[in-house]
């Protein structure tokens, strides 16, 4: 199947590579020519603009936009809408606000274009691990794109089957979900990231307590000195808190027990705020997720070891680097 990819950053370029490994043809573009040249050497067709991309593709065209949420994605989709033809599909795989998806689908539908929103989780490791996909859009369009989603998803791997799932959508067990109509893919991804904030915060606070068990605030006879890298490693093996986030924490602590290369300045990418906003709109209590978000705000003013753990995890799964000091 042929796919156009706009945006060749940390995830966009590796999505293209994973698709080409599965035999799909990719037409790619980025404002920075370097990643396009690298992908051309691997078999992609590189073009120098959106008009050239549309001209290089066969109808019906399927164009994936993998850019930061906000103005740049909005402008790119608007430009594409003027270039594409009825029957073509625009896919937004970034972290767009779900209500924007509903509006875009309505506007593009009036022009005969289809729109699909794909919440994409996998970070910088997705090329080899695969991407967990949460998809919103019309069933016929999502079904048409199934070869793309199946190639990007991680597959069943060695994850044990869940008892009682007989008769349910088998695609979910491969790592991709048609969540519902437009907006639902990014809504599910938004909640996924809100939960991620809470899980990361729990690990961060736990390791901060362990680290300070030998601190001056503890009576000398009660002080305990833990090797945090070993605690993280033993929890990875048979513990109920085993997870990829713990894997990344263990690796970071093994490399630098004090996480001295991190300041503890932790950014948020928007989904945590939107999750809390959704909770307010639905009158659903979300104390843990809200507190985790507010901790990230505080980290930009005052840092603890917990925030260094958060920062290390973000670098591990997403390649996020702390802002440079002024």
C-alpha atoms as a PDB file:
ATOM      1  CA  UNK A   1       0.000   0.000   0.000  1.00  0.00           C
ATOM      2  CA  UNK A   2       1.192   3.562  -0.632  1.00  0.00           C
ATOM      3  CA  UNK A   3       1.346   6.167   2.133  1.00  0.00           C
ATOM      4  CA  UNK A   4       2.491   9.774   2.220  1.00  0.00           C
ATOM      5  CA  UNK A   5       4.236  10.944   5.393  1.00  0.00           C
ATOM      6  CA  UNK A   6       4.613  14.613   6.328  1.00  0.00           C
ATOM      7  CA  UNK A   7       6.958  15.123   9.276  1.00  0.00           C
ATOM      8  CA  UNK A   8      10.060  12.988   9.667  1.00  0.00           C
ATOM      9  CA  UNK A   9      10.966  13.600  13.289  1.00  0.00           C
ATOM     10  CA  UNK A  10      11.638  11.025  16.008  1.00  0.00           C
ATOM     11  CA  UNK A  11       8.493   9.048  15.248  1.00  0.00           C
ATOM     12  CA  UNK A  12       7.562   9.970  11.680  1.00  0.00           C
ATOM     13  CA  UNK A  13      10.792   8.684  10.150  1.00  0.00           C
ATOM     14  CA  UNK A  14      10.632   5.392  12.045  1.00  0.00           C
ATOM     15  CA  UNK A  15       6.991   4.874  11.095  1.00  0.00           C
ATOM     16  CA  UNK A  16       8.118   5.133   7.468  1.00  0.00           C
ATOM     17  CA  UNK A  17      10.945   2.656   8.075  1.00  0.00           C
ATOM     18  CA  UNK A  18       8.636   0.148   9.729  1.00  0.00           C
ATOM     19  CA  UNK A  19       6.155   0.424   6.843  1.00  0.00           C
ATOM     20  CA  UNK A  20       8.883  -0.063   4.236  1.00  0.00           C
ATOM     21  CA  UNK A  21      10.129  -3.125   6.104  1.00  0.00           C
ATOM     22  CA  UNK A  22       6.616  -4.546   5.620  1.00  0.00           C
ATOM     23  CA  UNK A  23       6.683  -3.823   1.886  1.00  0.00           C
ATOM     24  CA  UNK A  24       4.662  -0.599   1.787  1.00  0.00           C
ATOM     25  CA  UNK A  25       5.653   2.286  -0.514  1.00  0.00           C
ATOM     26  CA  UNK A  26       6.217   5.650   1.183  1.00  0.00           C
ATOM     27  CA  UNK A  27       6.346   9.178  -0.223  1.00  0.00           C
ATOM     28  CA  UNK A  28       7.882  11.506   2.364  1.00  0.00           C
ATOM     29  CA  UNK A  29       8.436  15.193   3.064  1.00  0.00           C
ATOM     30  CA  UNK A  30       9.903  17.294   5.854  1.00  0.00           C
ATOM     31  CA  UNK A  31      10.937  20.939   6.015  1.00  0.00           C
ATOM     32  CA  UNK A  32      14.391  19.650   7.021  1.00  0.00           C
ATOM     33  CA  UNK A  33      15.804  17.813   3.975  1.00  0.00           C
ATOM     34  CA  UNK A  34      18.226  15.612   5.955  1.00  0.00           C
ATOM     35  CA  UNK A  35      15.816  12.900   7.180  1.00  0.00           C
ATOM     36  CA  UNK A  36      14.242  12.747   3.710  1.00  0.00           C
ATOM     37  CA  UNK A  37      17.631  12.082   2.133  1.00  0.00           C
ATOM     38  CA  UNK A  38      18.299   9.306   4.647  1.00  0.00           C
ATOM     39  CA  UNK A  39      14.947   7.675   3.920  1.00  0.00           C
ATOM     40  CA  UNK A  40      15.458   8.002   0.169  1.00  0.00           C
ATOM     41  CA  UNK A  41      18.604   5.919   0.542  1.00  0.00           C
ATOM     42  CA  UNK A  42      16.465   3.280   2.253  1.00  0.00           C
ATOM     43  CA  UNK A  43      13.842   3.184  -0.483  1.00  0.00           C
ATOM     44  CA  UNK A  44      11.380   6.010   0.171  1.00  0.00           C
ATOM     45  CA  UNK A  45      10.367   8.564  -2.451  1.00  0.00           C
ATOM     46  CA  UNK A  46      11.328  12.005  -1.134  1.00  0.00           C
ATOM     47  CA  UNK A  47       9.531  15.128  -2.382  1.00  0.00           C
ATOM     48  CA  UNK A  48      10.168  18.801  -1.692  1.00  0.00           C
ATOM     49  CA  UNK A  49       6.638  19.923  -0.891  1.00  0.00           C
ATOM     50  CA  UNK A  50       2.997  18.999  -0.462  1.00  0.00           C
ATOM     51  CA  UNK A  51       2.082  19.636  -4.089  1.00  0.00           C
ATOM     52  CA  UNK A  52       4.867  17.324  -5.201  1.00  0.00           C
ATOM     53  CA  UNK A  53       3.677  14.686  -2.731  1.00  0.00           C
ATOM     54  CA  UNK A  54       0.127  14.746  -4.075  1.00  0.00           C
ATOM     55  CA  UNK A  55       1.422  14.564  -7.648  1.00  0.00           C
ATOM     56  CA  UNK A  56       3.651  11.583  -6.811  1.00  0.00           C
ATOM     57  CA  UNK A  57       0.851   9.501  -5.286  1.00  0.00           C
ATOM     58  CA  UNK A  58      -1.822   7.303  -6.827  1.00  0.00           C
ATOM     59  CA  UNK A  59      -5.496   7.929  -6.045  1.00  0.00           C
ATOM     60  CA  UNK A  60      -7.039   7.390  -3.620  1.00  0.00           C
ATOM     61  CA  UNK A  61      -4.230   8.994  -1.651  1.00  0.00           C
ATOM     62  CA  UNK A  62      -3.543   8.375   2.024  1.00  0.00           C
ATOM     63  CA  UNK A  63      -1.422  11.090   3.670  1.00  0.00           C
ATOM     64  CA  UNK A  64      -0.234  10.823   7.282  1.00  0.00           C
ATOM     65  CA  UNK A  65       0.618  14.076   9.108  1.00  0.00           C
ATOM     66  CA  UNK A  66       3.102  13.544  11.969  1.00  0.00           C
ATOM     67  CA  UNK A  67       3.752  17.053  13.260  1.00  0.00           C
ATOM     68  CA  UNK A  68       3.447  18.794  16.645  1.00  0.00           C
ATOM     69  CA  UNK A  69      -0.141  19.463  17.657  1.00  0.00           C
ATOM     70  CA  UNK A  70      -1.382  22.972  17.065  1.00  0.00           C
ATOM     71  CA  UNK A  71      -0.847  25.602  14.405  1.00  0.00           C
ATOM     72  CA  UNK A  72       1.631  23.703  12.221  1.00  0.00           C
ATOM     73  CA  UNK A  73      -0.633  20.640  11.972  1.00  0.00           C
ATOM     74  CA  UNK A  74      -3.686  22.823  11.375  1.00  0.00           C
ATOM     75  CA  UNK A  75      -1.961  24.735   8.563  1.00  0.00           C
ATOM     76  CA  UNK A  76      -0.620  21.572   6.945  1.00  0.00           C
ATOM     77  CA  UNK A  77      -4.028  19.893   6.906  1.00  0.00           C
ATOM     78  CA  UNK A  78      -5.618  23.030   5.447  1.00  0.00           C
ATOM     79  CA  UNK A  79      -3.019  23.110   2.679  1.00  0.00           C
ATOM     80  CA  UNK A  80      -3.497  19.410   1.971  1.00  0.00           C
ATOM     81  CA  UNK A  81      -7.256  19.876   1.745  1.00  0.00           C
ATOM     82  CA  UNK A  82      -6.741  22.301  -1.137  1.00  0.00           C
ATOM     83  CA  UNK A  83      -4.508  19.833  -2.999  1.00  0.00           C
ATOM     84  CA  UNK A  84      -6.211  16.476  -2.483  1.00  0.00           C
ATOM     85  CA  UNK A  85      -9.190  15.039  -4.364  1.00  0.00           C
ATOM     86  CA  UNK A  86     -12.485  13.540  -3.155  1.00  0.00           C
ATOM     87  CA  UNK A  87     -11.880  10.037  -1.851  1.00  0.00           C
ATOM     88  CA  UNK A  88      -8.440  10.846  -0.452  1.00  0.00           C
ATOM     89  CA  UNK A  89      -7.672  10.445   3.252  1.00  0.00           C
ATOM     90  CA  UNK A  90      -5.791  12.645   5.731  1.00  0.00           C
ATOM     91  CA  UNK A  91      -4.437  10.884   8.828  1.00  0.00           C
ATOM     92  CA  UNK A  92      -3.282  12.826  11.889  1.00  0.00           C
ATOM     93  CA  UNK A  93      -0.973  10.657  13.995  1.00  0.00           C
ATOM     94  CA  UNK A  94       0.202  13.401  16.350  1.00  0.00           C
ATOM     95  CA  UNK A  95      -1.179  14.392  19.742  1.00  0.00           C
ATOM     96  CA  UNK A  96      -4.051  16.555  18.548  1.00  0.00           C
ATOM     97  CA  UNK A  97      -6.887  17.689  20.833  1.00  0.00           C
ATOM     98  CA  UNK A  98      -9.828  15.377  20.108  1.00  0.00           C
ATOM     99  CA  UNK A  99     -12.404  18.135  19.614  1.00  0.00           C
ATOM    100  CA  UNK A 100     -10.253  19.503  16.787  1.00  0.00           C
ATOM    101  CA  UNK A 101     -10.539  16.084  15.128  1.00  0.00           C
ATOM    102  CA  UNK A 102     -14.334  16.268  15.151  1.00  0.00           C
ATOM    103  CA  UNK A 103     -14.265  19.743  13.584  1.00  0.00           C
ATOM    104  CA  UNK A 104     -11.709  18.753  10.937  1.00  0.00           C
ATOM    105  CA  UNK A 105     -13.617  15.606   9.967  1.00  0.00           C
ATOM    106  CA  UNK A 106     -16.754  17.675   9.450  1.00  0.00           C
ATOM    107  CA  UNK A 107     -14.958  20.328   7.386  1.00  0.00           C
ATOM    108  CA  UNK A 108     -13.027  17.826   5.267  1.00  0.00           C
ATOM    109  CA  UNK A 109     -16.071  15.637   4.781  1.00  0.00           C
ATOM    110  CA  UNK A 110     -17.885  18.556   3.150  1.00  0.00           C
ATOM    111  CA  UNK A 111     -15.127  18.512   0.524  1.00  0.00           C
ATOM    112  CA  UNK A 112     -15.311  14.767  -0.081  1.00  0.00           C
ATOM    113  CA  UNK A 113     -12.175  14.015   1.947  1.00  0.00           C
ATOM    114  CA  UNK A 114     -11.921  11.499   4.769  1.00  0.00           C
ATOM    115  CA  UNK A 115     -10.115  12.101   8.043  1.00  0.00           C
ATOM    116  CA  UNK A 116      -8.675   9.603  10.531  1.00  0.00           C
ATOM    117  CA  UNK A 117      -7.153  10.430  13.923  1.00  0.00           C
ATOM    118  CA  UNK A 118      -4.576   7.996  15.257  1.00  0.00           C
ATOM    119  CA  UNK A 119      -3.255   8.161  18.792  1.00  0.00           C
ATOM    120  CA  UNK A 120       0.237   6.706  18.440  1.00  0.00           C
ATOM    121  CA  UNK A 121       2.240   5.322  21.364  1.00  0.00           C
ATOM    122  CA  UNK A 122       5.682   3.815  21.035  1.00  0.00           C
ATOM    123  CA  UNK A 123       8.079   6.726  21.151  1.00  0.00           C
ATOM    124  CA  UNK A 124      11.581   6.415  19.804  1.00  0.00           C
ATOM    125  CA  UNK A 125      11.521   2.620  20.199  1.00  0.00           C
ATOM    126  CA  UNK A 126       8.542   2.040  17.916  1.00  0.00           C
ATOM    127  CA  UNK A 127      10.620   0.986  14.915  1.00  0.00           C
ATOM    128  CA  UNK A 128      11.522  -2.291  16.579  1.00  0.00           C
ATOM    129  CA  UNK A 129       8.818  -2.640  19.237  1.00  0.00           C
ATOM    130  CA  UNK A 130       5.909  -1.487  17.085  1.00  0.00           C
ATOM    131  CA  UNK A 131       3.339   1.215  17.822  1.00  0.00           C
ATOM    132  CA  UNK A 132       0.205   0.901  19.904  1.00  0.00           C
ATOM    133  CA  UNK A 133      -2.478   2.606  17.792  1.00  0.00           C
ATOM    134  CA  UNK A 134      -5.801   4.106  18.900  1.00  0.00           C
ATOM    135  CA  UNK A 135      -7.823   4.994  15.806  1.00  0.00           C
ATOM    136  CA  UNK A 136     -10.842   7.229  15.236  1.00  0.00           C
ATOM    137  CA  UNK A 137     -12.756   7.439  11.952  1.00  0.00           C
ATOM    138  CA  UNK A 138     -15.378   5.939   9.695  1.00  0.00           C
ATOM    139  CA  UNK A 139     -15.303   2.129   9.619  1.00  0.00           C
ATOM    140  CA  UNK A 140     -14.931   1.804   5.850  1.00  0.00           C
ATOM    141  CA  UNK A 141     -11.956   4.180   5.798  1.00  0.00           C
ATOM    142  CA  UNK A 142     -10.259   2.560   8.803  1.00  0.00           C
ATOM    143  CA  UNK A 143     -10.772  -0.877   7.251  1.00  0.00           C
ATOM    144  CA  UNK A 144      -9.195   0.332   4.004  1.00  0.00           C
ATOM    145  CA  UNK A 145      -6.127   1.446   5.953  1.00  0.00           C
ATOM    146  CA  UNK A 146      -5.873  -1.825   7.889  1.00  0.00           C
ATOM    147  CA  UNK A 147      -2.688  -2.995   6.086  1.00  0.00           C
ATOM    148  CA  UNK A 148      -0.926   0.171   7.290  1.00  0.00           C
ATOM    149  CA  UNK A 149      -2.087  -0.194  10.883  1.00  0.00           C
ATOM    150  CA  UNK A 150      -1.322  -3.912  10.980  1.00  0.00           C
ATOM    151  CA  UNK A 151       2.248  -3.261   9.804  1.00  0.00           C
ATOM    152  CA  UNK A 152       2.834  -0.561  12.425  1.00  0.00           C
ATOM    153  CA  UNK A 153       1.309  -2.445  15.358  1.00  0.00           C
ATOM    154  CA  UNK A 154       3.557  -4.618  17.541  1.00  0.00           C
ATOM    155  CA  UNK A 155       1.608  -7.848  17.023  1.00  0.00           C
ATOM    156  CA  UNK A 156       0.767 -10.328  19.767  1.00  0.00           C
ATOM    157  CA  UNK A 157       4.372 -11.102  20.604  1.00  0.00           C
ATOM    158  CA  UNK A 158       4.745 -13.050  23.841  1.00  0.00           C
ATOM    159  CA  UNK A 159       1.941 -11.229  25.681  1.00  0.00           C
ATOM    160  CA  UNK A 160      -0.335 -13.831  27.236  1.00  0.00           C
ATOM    161  CA  UNK A 161      -3.892 -13.904  25.881  1.00  0.00           C
ATOM    162  CA  UNK A 162      -6.563 -12.462  28.168  1.00  0.00           C
ATOM    163  CA  UNK A 163      -9.163 -14.993  29.262  1.00  0.00           C
ATOM    164  CA  UNK A 164     -12.727 -14.159  28.222  1.00  0.00           C
ATOM    165  CA  UNK A 165     -11.869 -12.204  25.065  1.00  0.00           C
ATOM    166  CA  UNK A 166     -13.305 -14.814  22.706  1.00  0.00           C
ATOM    167  CA  UNK A 167     -15.410 -13.216  19.962  1.00  0.00           C
ATOM    168  CA  UNK A 168     -13.972  -9.722  20.419  1.00  0.00           C
ATOM    169  CA  UNK A 169     -12.072  -7.700  17.804  1.00  0.00           C
ATOM    170  CA  UNK A 170      -8.810  -9.634  17.219  1.00  0.00           C
ATOM    171  CA  UNK A 171      -6.997  -6.496  16.032  1.00  0.00           C
ATOM    172  CA  UNK A 172      -6.844  -5.267  19.618  1.00  0.00           C
ATOM    173  CA  UNK A 173      -4.642  -8.215  20.545  1.00  0.00           C
ATOM    174  CA  UNK A 174      -2.275  -7.161  17.757  1.00  0.00           C
ATOM    175  CA  UNK A 175      -1.900  -3.714  19.329  1.00  0.00           C
ATOM    176  CA  UNK A 176      -4.315  -1.516  17.381  1.00  0.00           C
ATOM    177  CA  UNK A 177      -7.864  -0.428  18.143  1.00  0.00           C
ATOM    178  CA  UNK A 178     -10.617   1.199  16.090  1.00  0.00           C
ATOM    179  CA  UNK A 179     -11.923   3.180  19.058  1.00  0.00           C
ATOM    180  CA  UNK A 180     -14.917   4.743  17.286  1.00  0.00           C
ATOM    181  CA  UNK A 181     -15.786   7.839  15.221  1.00  0.00           C
ATOM    182  CA  UNK A 182     -13.513  10.805  14.641  1.00  0.00           C
ATOM    183  CA  UNK A 183     -12.022  12.163  17.842  1.00  0.00           C
ATOM    184  CA  UNK A 184     -12.190   8.858  19.697  1.00  0.00           C
ATOM    185  CA  UNK A 185      -8.671   7.786  18.745  1.00  0.00           C
ATOM    186  CA  UNK A 186      -7.063  10.888  20.169  1.00  0.00           C
ATOM    187  CA  UNK A 187      -9.439  10.845  23.162  1.00  0.00           C
ATOM    188  CA  UNK A 188      -8.244   7.344  24.129  1.00  0.00           C
ATOM    189  CA  UNK A 189      -4.618   8.408  23.592  1.00  0.00           C
ATOM    190  CA  UNK A 190      -5.215  11.504  25.736  1.00  0.00           C
ATOM    191  CA  UNK A 191      -6.419   9.373  28.649  1.00  0.00           C
ATOM    192  CA  UNK A 192      -3.517   6.955  28.040  1.00  0.00           C
ATOM    193  CA  UNK A 193      -1.076   9.830  28.502  1.00  0.00           C
ATOM    194  CA  UNK A 194      -2.921  11.148  31.544  1.00  0.00           C
ATOM    195  CA  UNK A 195      -2.583   7.704  33.160  1.00  0.00           C
ATOM    196  CA  UNK A 196       1.074   7.692  32.105  1.00  0.00           C
ATOM    197  CA  UNK A 197       1.599  10.898  34.097  1.00  0.00           C
ATOM    198  CA  UNK A 198       0.146   9.239  37.202  1.00  0.00           C
ATOM    199  CA  UNK A 199       2.184   6.049  36.835  1.00  0.00           C
ATOM    200  CA  UNK A 200       5.389   7.985  36.304  1.00  0.00           C
ATOM    201  CA  UNK A 201       4.670  10.168  39.327  1.00  0.00           C
ATOM    202  CA  UNK A 202       4.097   7.118  41.536  1.00  0.00           C
ATOM    203  CA  UNK A 203       7.456   5.616  40.560  1.00  0.00           C
ATOM    204  CA  UNK A 204       9.182   8.980  40.965  1.00  0.00           C
ATOM    205  CA  UNK A 205       7.823   9.573  44.470  1.00  0.00           C
ATOM    206  CA  UNK A 206       8.579   6.014  45.552  1.00  0.00           C
ATOM    207  CA  UNK A 207      12.222   6.243  44.512  1.00  0.00           C
ATOM    208  CA  UNK A 208      12.490   9.661  46.151  1.00  0.00           C
ATOM    209  CA  UNK A 209      11.353   8.144  49.460  1.00  0.00           C
ATOM    210  CA  UNK A 210      13.848   5.303  49.069  1.00  0.00           C
ATOM    211  CA  UNK A 211      16.656   7.745  48.321  1.00  0.00           C
ATOM    212  CA  UNK A 212      15.885   9.902  51.366  1.00  0.00           C
ATOM    213  CA  UNK A 213      15.644   6.953  53.763  1.00  0.00           C
ATOM    214  CA  UNK A 214      19.271   7.657  54.661  1.00  0.00           C
ATOM    215  CA  UNK A 215      18.898  11.435  54.768  1.00  0.00           C
ATOM    216  CA  UNK A 216      19.651  13.810  57.641  1.00  0.00           C
ATOM    217  CA  UNK A 217      15.946  14.190  58.404  1.00  0.00           C
ATOM    218  CA  UNK A 218      15.793  10.562  59.548  1.00  0.00           C
ATOM    219  CA  UNK A 219      17.022   9.564  63.022  1.00  0.00           C
ATOM    220  CA  UNK A 220      20.464   8.017  62.655  1.00  0.00           C
ATOM    221  CA  UNK A 221      19.419   4.649  64.101  1.00  0.00           C
ATOM    222  CA  UNK A 222      16.592   4.418  61.556  1.00  0.00           C
ATOM    223  CA  UNK A 223      18.524   5.335  58.435  1.00  0.00           C
ATOM    224  CA  UNK A 224      18.533   2.878  55.544  1.00  0.00           C
ATOM    225  CA  UNK A 225      20.815   3.150  52.544  1.00  0.00           C
ATOM    226  CA  UNK A 226      19.390   1.567  49.393  1.00  0.00           C
ATOM    227  CA  UNK A 227      21.013   0.876  46.043  1.00  0.00           C
ATOM    228  CA  UNK A 228      18.213   2.274  43.903  1.00  0.00           C
ATOM    229  CA  UNK A 229      19.370   0.601  40.710  1.00  0.00           C
ATOM    230  CA  UNK A 230      19.108  -2.790  42.407  1.00  0.00           C
ATOM    231  CA  UNK A 231      15.668  -2.034  43.832  1.00  0.00           C
ATOM    232  CA  UNK A 232      14.426  -1.079  40.377  1.00  0.00           C
ATOM    233  CA  UNK A 233      15.979  -4.177  38.859  1.00  0.00           C
ATOM    234  CA  UNK A 234      14.466  -6.621  41.348  1.00  0.00           C
ATOM    235  CA  UNK A 235      11.024  -5.043  40.866  1.00  0.00           C
ATOM    236  CA  UNK A 236      11.323  -5.745  37.132  1.00  0.00           C
ATOM    237  CA  UNK A 237      11.296  -9.471  37.835  1.00  0.00           C
ATOM    238  CA  UNK A 238       7.989 -10.916  38.990  1.00  0.00           C
ATOM    239  CA  UNK A 239       6.676  -7.784  40.721  1.00  0.00           C
ATOM    240  CA  UNK A 240       3.144  -6.487  40.116  1.00  0.00           C
ATOM    241  CA  UNK A 241       4.606  -3.065  39.219  1.00  0.00           C
ATOM    242  CA  UNK A 242       6.648  -4.464  36.333  1.00  0.00           C
ATOM    243  CA  UNK A 243       6.306  -2.166  33.303  1.00  0.00           C
ATOM    244  CA  UNK A 244       8.222  -0.469  30.504  1.00  0.00           C
ATOM    245  CA  UNK A 245       8.388   2.673  32.644  1.00  0.00           C
ATOM    246  CA  UNK A 246      10.118   0.651  35.360  1.00  0.00           C
ATOM    247  CA  UNK A 247      12.477  -0.814  32.740  1.00  0.00           C
ATOM    248  CA  UNK A 248      13.489   2.705  31.712  1.00  0.00           C
ATOM    249  CA  UNK A 249      13.907   3.790  35.332  1.00  0.00           C
ATOM    250  CA  UNK A 250      16.109   0.795  36.078  1.00  0.00           C
ATOM    251  CA  UNK A 251      18.286   1.538  33.076  1.00  0.00           C
ATOM    252  CA  UNK A 252      18.672   5.207  33.998  1.00  0.00           C
ATOM    253  CA  UNK A 253      19.596   4.397  37.612  1.00  0.00           C
ATOM    254  CA  UNK A 254      22.081   1.719  36.522  1.00  0.00           C
ATOM    255  CA  UNK A 255      23.849   4.269  34.329  1.00  0.00           C
ATOM    256  CA  UNK A 256      23.757   7.117  36.864  1.00  0.00           C
ATOM    257  CA  UNK A 257      22.525   6.325  40.376  1.00  0.00           C
ATOM    258  CA  UNK A 258      22.112   9.979  41.345  1.00  0.00           C
ATOM    259  CA  UNK A 259      20.651  10.977  37.941  1.00  0.00           C
ATOM    260  CA  UNK A 260      23.130  13.850  38.073  1.00  0.00           C
ATOM    261  CA  UNK A 261      22.737  14.568  34.365  1.00  0.00           C
ATOM    262  CA  UNK A 262      19.098  15.601  34.950  1.00  0.00           C
ATOM    263  CA  UNK A 263      17.912  18.840  36.524  1.00  0.00           C
ATOM    264  CA  UNK A 264      14.366  17.658  37.216  1.00  0.00           C
ATOM    265  CA  UNK A 265      12.705  20.213  34.935  1.00  0.00           C
ATOM    266  CA  UNK A 266       9.734  18.226  33.553  1.00  0.00           C
ATOM    267  CA  UNK A 267       7.659  19.476  30.622  1.00  0.00           C
ATOM    268  CA  UNK A 268       4.131  18.363  29.785  1.00  0.00           C
ATOM    269  CA  UNK A 269       2.992  17.793  26.214  1.00  0.00           C
ATOM    270  CA  UNK A 270      -0.655  18.848  26.592  1.00  0.00           C
ATOM    271  CA  UNK A 271      -2.481  15.535  26.978  1.00  0.00           C
ATOM    272  CA  UNK A 272      -2.321  15.671  30.777  1.00  0.00           C
ATOM    273  CA  UNK A 273      -4.026  19.070  30.767  1.00  0.00           C
ATOM    274  CA  UNK A 274      -6.676  17.838  28.342  1.00  0.00           C
ATOM    275  CA  UNK A 275      -7.288  14.757  30.492  1.00  0.00           C
ATOM    276  CA  UNK A 276      -7.928  16.916  33.547  1.00  0.00           C
ATOM    277  CA  UNK A 277     -10.131  19.201  31.441  1.00  0.00           C
ATOM    278  CA  UNK A 278     -12.184  16.185  30.292  1.00  0.00           C
ATOM    279  CA  UNK A 279     -12.510  15.010  33.894  1.00  0.00           C
ATOM    280  CA  UNK A 280     -13.858  18.443  34.869  1.00  0.00           C
ATOM    281  CA  UNK A 281     -16.341  18.449  31.971  1.00  0.00           C
ATOM    282  CA  UNK A 282     -17.541  14.955  32.971  1.00  0.00           C
ATOM    283  CA  UNK A 283     -17.484  15.706  36.731  1.00  0.00           C
ATOM    284  CA  UNK A 284     -15.224  12.690  37.224  1.00  0.00           C
ATOM    285  CA  UNK A 285     -12.767  12.887  40.165  1.00  0.00           C
ATOM    286  CA  UNK A 286      -9.170  12.474  38.970  1.00  0.00           C
ATOM    287  CA  UNK A 287      -7.052  13.325  41.984  1.00  0.00           C
ATOM    288  CA  UNK A 288      -3.948  11.315  41.029  1.00  0.00           C
ATOM    289  CA  UNK A 289      -3.788  12.525  37.426  1.00  0.00           C
ATOM    290  CA  UNK A 290      -4.392  16.144  38.435  1.00  0.00           C
ATOM    291  CA  UNK A 291      -1.709  16.034  41.140  1.00  0.00           C
ATOM    292  CA  UNK A 292       0.757  14.473  38.686  1.00  0.00           C
ATOM    293  CA  UNK A 293       0.152  17.292  36.227  1.00  0.00           C
ATOM    294  CA  UNK A 294       0.578  19.971  38.880  1.00  0.00           C
ATOM    295  CA  UNK A 295       3.843  18.362  40.006  1.00  0.00           C
ATOM    296  CA  UNK A 296       5.215  18.927  36.509  1.00  0.00           C
ATOM    297  CA  UNK A 297       4.293  22.600  36.788  1.00  0.00           C
ATOM    298  CA  UNK A 298       6.084  22.840  40.138  1.00  0.00           C
ATOM    299  CA  UNK A 299       9.170  21.064  38.768  1.00  0.00           C
ATOM    300  CA  UNK A 300       9.924  24.117  36.664  1.00  0.00           C
ATOM    301  CA  UNK A 301      10.366  26.166  39.830  1.00  0.00           C
ATOM    302  CA  UNK A 302      11.761  23.674  42.355  1.00  0.00           C
ATOM    303  CA  UNK A 303      13.308  20.266  41.672  1.00  0.00           C
ATOM    304  CA  UNK A 304      13.527  17.066  43.706  1.00  0.00           C
ATOM    305  CA  UNK A 305      15.054  13.678  42.972  1.00  0.00           C
ATOM    306  CA  UNK A 306      11.544  12.533  42.016  1.00  0.00           C
ATOM    307  CA  UNK A 307      11.505  14.978  39.130  1.00  0.00           C
ATOM    308  CA  UNK A 308      14.879  13.666  37.967  1.00  0.00           C
ATOM    309  CA  UNK A 309      13.320  10.193  37.801  1.00  0.00           C
ATOM    310  CA  UNK A 310      10.430  11.625  35.750  1.00  0.00           C
ATOM    311  CA  UNK A 311      12.844  13.354  33.413  1.00  0.00           C
ATOM    312  CA  UNK A 312      14.878  10.177  32.953  1.00  0.00           C
ATOM    313  CA  UNK A 313      11.748   8.201  32.028  1.00  0.00           C
ATOM    314  CA  UNK A 314      10.637  10.837  29.501  1.00  0.00           C
ATOM    315  CA  UNK A 315      14.043  10.720  27.838  1.00  0.00           C
ATOM    316  CA  UNK A 316      13.910   6.928  27.802  1.00  0.00           C
ATOM    317  CA  UNK A 317      10.596   6.453  26.019  1.00  0.00           C
ATOM    318  CA  UNK A 318      10.255   9.635  24.003  1.00  0.00           C
ATOM    319  CA  UNK A 319      13.720  11.096  23.589  1.00  0.00           C
ATOM    320  CA  UNK A 320      12.571  14.217  25.464  1.00  0.00           C
ATOM    321  CA  UNK A 321      15.541  16.358  26.510  1.00  0.00           C
ATOM    322  CA  UNK A 322      15.342  18.914  29.278  1.00  0.00           C
ATOM    323  CA  UNK A 323      15.387  22.586  28.225  1.00  0.00           C
ATOM    324  CA  UNK A 324      18.820  24.175  28.250  1.00  0.00           C
ATOM    325  CA  UNK A 325      19.521  26.396  31.220  1.00  0.00           C
ATOM    326  CA  UNK A 326      19.227  30.112  30.544  1.00  0.00           C
END
